[in-house]
């Protein structure tokens, strides 16, 4: 049983080391997700303003993009 306890203690130690090493990466990813979220919200807001100011140009761009995508997917 003593050998099993030693193995369990070593495994717990290894798991703790991995968790400690992964914590900064998790924090970095969380920070980046906040940055990406705010960037995507700004893109949506700017796009909406552009479409409201230039509806015909926006329609032309959408039609051209749809046409090109349909041609590429054939």
C-alpha atoms as a PDB file:
ATOM      1  CA  UNK A   1       0.000   0.000   0.000  1.00  0.00           C
ATOM      2  CA  UNK A   2       2.926   2.323   0.693  1.00  0.00           C
ATOM      3  CA  UNK A   3       4.069   2.028  -2.920  1.00  0.00           C
ATOM      4  CA  UNK A   4       0.578   2.991  -4.092  1.00  0.00           C
ATOM      5  CA  UNK A   5       0.574   6.054  -1.834  1.00  0.00           C
ATOM      6  CA  UNK A   6       3.966   7.152  -3.197  1.00  0.00           C
ATOM      7  CA  UNK A   7       2.744   6.745  -6.786  1.00  0.00           C
ATOM      8  CA  UNK A   8      -0.415   8.698  -5.998  1.00  0.00           C
ATOM      9  CA  UNK A   9       1.630  11.492  -4.414  1.00  0.00           C
ATOM     10  CA  UNK A  10       3.886  11.672  -7.473  1.00  0.00           C
ATOM     11  CA  UNK A  11       0.908  11.801  -9.807  1.00  0.00           C
ATOM     12  CA  UNK A  12      -0.695  14.568  -7.731  1.00  0.00           C
ATOM     13  CA  UNK A  13       2.575  16.489  -7.849  1.00  0.00           C
ATOM     14  CA  UNK A  14       2.783  16.133 -11.614  1.00  0.00           C
ATOM     15  CA  UNK A  15      -0.817  17.268 -12.046  1.00  0.00           C
ATOM     16  CA  UNK A  16      -0.157  20.301  -9.841  1.00  0.00           C
ATOM     17  CA  UNK A  17       2.887  21.219 -11.936  1.00  0.00           C
ATOM     18  CA  UNK A  18       0.902  20.943 -15.156  1.00  0.00           C
ATOM     19  CA  UNK A  19      -1.907  23.070 -13.699  1.00  0.00           C
ATOM     20  CA  UNK A  20       0.593  25.704 -12.561  1.00  0.00           C
ATOM     21  CA  UNK A  21       2.204  25.758 -15.990  1.00  0.00           C
ATOM     22  CA  UNK A  22      -1.155  26.027 -17.777  1.00  0.00           C
ATOM     23  CA  UNK A  23      -2.511  28.878 -15.649  1.00  0.00           C
ATOM     24  CA  UNK A  24      -0.623  31.692 -17.447  1.00  0.00           C
ATOM     25  CA  UNK A  25      -1.692  30.308 -20.820  1.00  0.00           C
ATOM     26  CA  UNK A  26      -5.310  30.233 -19.692  1.00  0.00           C
ATOM     27  CA  UNK A  27      -5.067  33.833 -18.485  1.00  0.00           C
ATOM     28  CA  UNK A  28      -3.530  34.920 -21.799  1.00  0.00           C
ATOM     29  CA  UNK A  29      -6.305  33.196 -23.750  1.00  0.00           C
ATOM     30  CA  UNK A  30      -8.951  34.871 -21.615  1.00  0.00           C
ATOM     31  CA  UNK A  31      -7.389  38.277 -22.242  1.00  0.00           C
ATOM     32  CA  UNK A  32      -7.183  37.626 -25.978  1.00  0.00           C
ATOM     33  CA  UNK A  33     -10.818  36.542 -26.119  1.00  0.00           C
ATOM     34  CA  UNK A  34     -11.833  39.873 -24.574  1.00  0.00           C
ATOM     35  CA  UNK A  35      -9.771  41.705 -27.192  1.00  0.00           C
ATOM     36  CA  UNK A  36     -11.265  39.682 -30.038  1.00  0.00           C
ATOM     37  CA  UNK A  37     -14.779  40.169 -28.736  1.00  0.00           C
ATOM     38  CA  UNK A  38     -14.397  43.932 -28.543  1.00  0.00           C
ATOM     39  CA  UNK A  39     -12.832  43.950 -32.023  1.00  0.00           C
ATOM     40  CA  UNK A  40     -15.701  41.979 -33.535  1.00  0.00           C
ATOM     41  CA  UNK A  41     -18.259  44.273 -31.886  1.00  0.00           C
ATOM     42  CA  UNK A  42     -16.479  47.290 -33.404  1.00  0.00           C
ATOM     43  CA  UNK A  43     -16.448  45.628 -36.828  1.00  0.00           C
ATOM     44  CA  UNK A  44     -20.192  44.952 -36.653  1.00  0.00           C
ATOM     45  CA  UNK A  45     -20.902  48.519 -35.527  1.00  0.00           C
ATOM     46  CA  UNK A  46     -18.735  50.028 -38.287  1.00  0.00           C
ATOM     47  CA  UNK A  47     -20.234  47.738 -40.932  1.00  0.00           C
ATOM     48  CA  UNK A  48     -23.758  48.664 -39.895  1.00  0.00           C
ATOM     49  CA  UNK A  49     -22.921  52.355 -40.146  1.00  0.00           C
ATOM     50  CA  UNK A  50     -21.376  51.887 -43.587  1.00  0.00           C
ATOM     51  CA  UNK A  51     -24.393  49.965 -44.880  1.00  0.00           C
ATOM     52  CA  UNK A  52     -26.736  52.641 -43.516  1.00  0.00           C
ATOM     53  CA  UNK A  53     -24.743  55.414 -45.222  1.00  0.00           C
ATOM     54  CA  UNK A  54     -24.156  53.551 -48.519  1.00  0.00           C
ATOM     55  CA  UNK A  55     -26.998  51.077 -49.112  1.00  0.00           C
ATOM     56  CA  UNK A  56     -26.604  50.741 -52.902  1.00  0.00           C
ATOM     57  CA  UNK A  57     -22.846  50.230 -52.732  1.00  0.00           C
ATOM     58  CA  UNK A  58     -23.349  47.672 -49.981  1.00  0.00           C
ATOM     59  CA  UNK A  59     -25.903  45.813 -52.079  1.00  0.00           C
ATOM     60  CA  UNK A  60     -23.533  45.805 -55.059  1.00  0.00           C
ATOM     61  CA  UNK A  61     -20.674  44.470 -52.941  1.00  0.00           C
ATOM     62  CA  UNK A  62     -22.919  41.757 -51.458  1.00  0.00           C
ATOM     63  CA  UNK A  63     -24.124  40.682 -54.919  1.00  0.00           C
ATOM     64  CA  UNK A  64     -20.563  40.600 -56.277  1.00  0.00           C
ATOM     65  CA  UNK A  65     -19.311  38.620 -53.294  1.00  0.00           C
ATOM     66  CA  UNK A  66     -22.190  36.151 -53.615  1.00  0.00           C
ATOM     67  CA  UNK A  67     -21.514  35.725 -57.325  1.00  0.00           C
ATOM     68  CA  UNK A  68     -17.797  35.133 -56.768  1.00  0.00           C
ATOM     69  CA  UNK A  69     -18.405  32.643 -53.974  1.00  0.00           C
ATOM     70  CA  UNK A  70     -20.935  30.742 -56.084  1.00  0.00           C
ATOM     71  CA  UNK A  71     -18.429  30.558 -58.949  1.00  0.00           C
ATOM     72  CA  UNK A  72     -15.678  29.314 -56.640  1.00  0.00           C
ATOM     73  CA  UNK A  73     -17.885  26.599 -55.158  1.00  0.00           C
ATOM     74  CA  UNK A  74     -18.851  25.087 -58.509  1.00  0.00           C
END
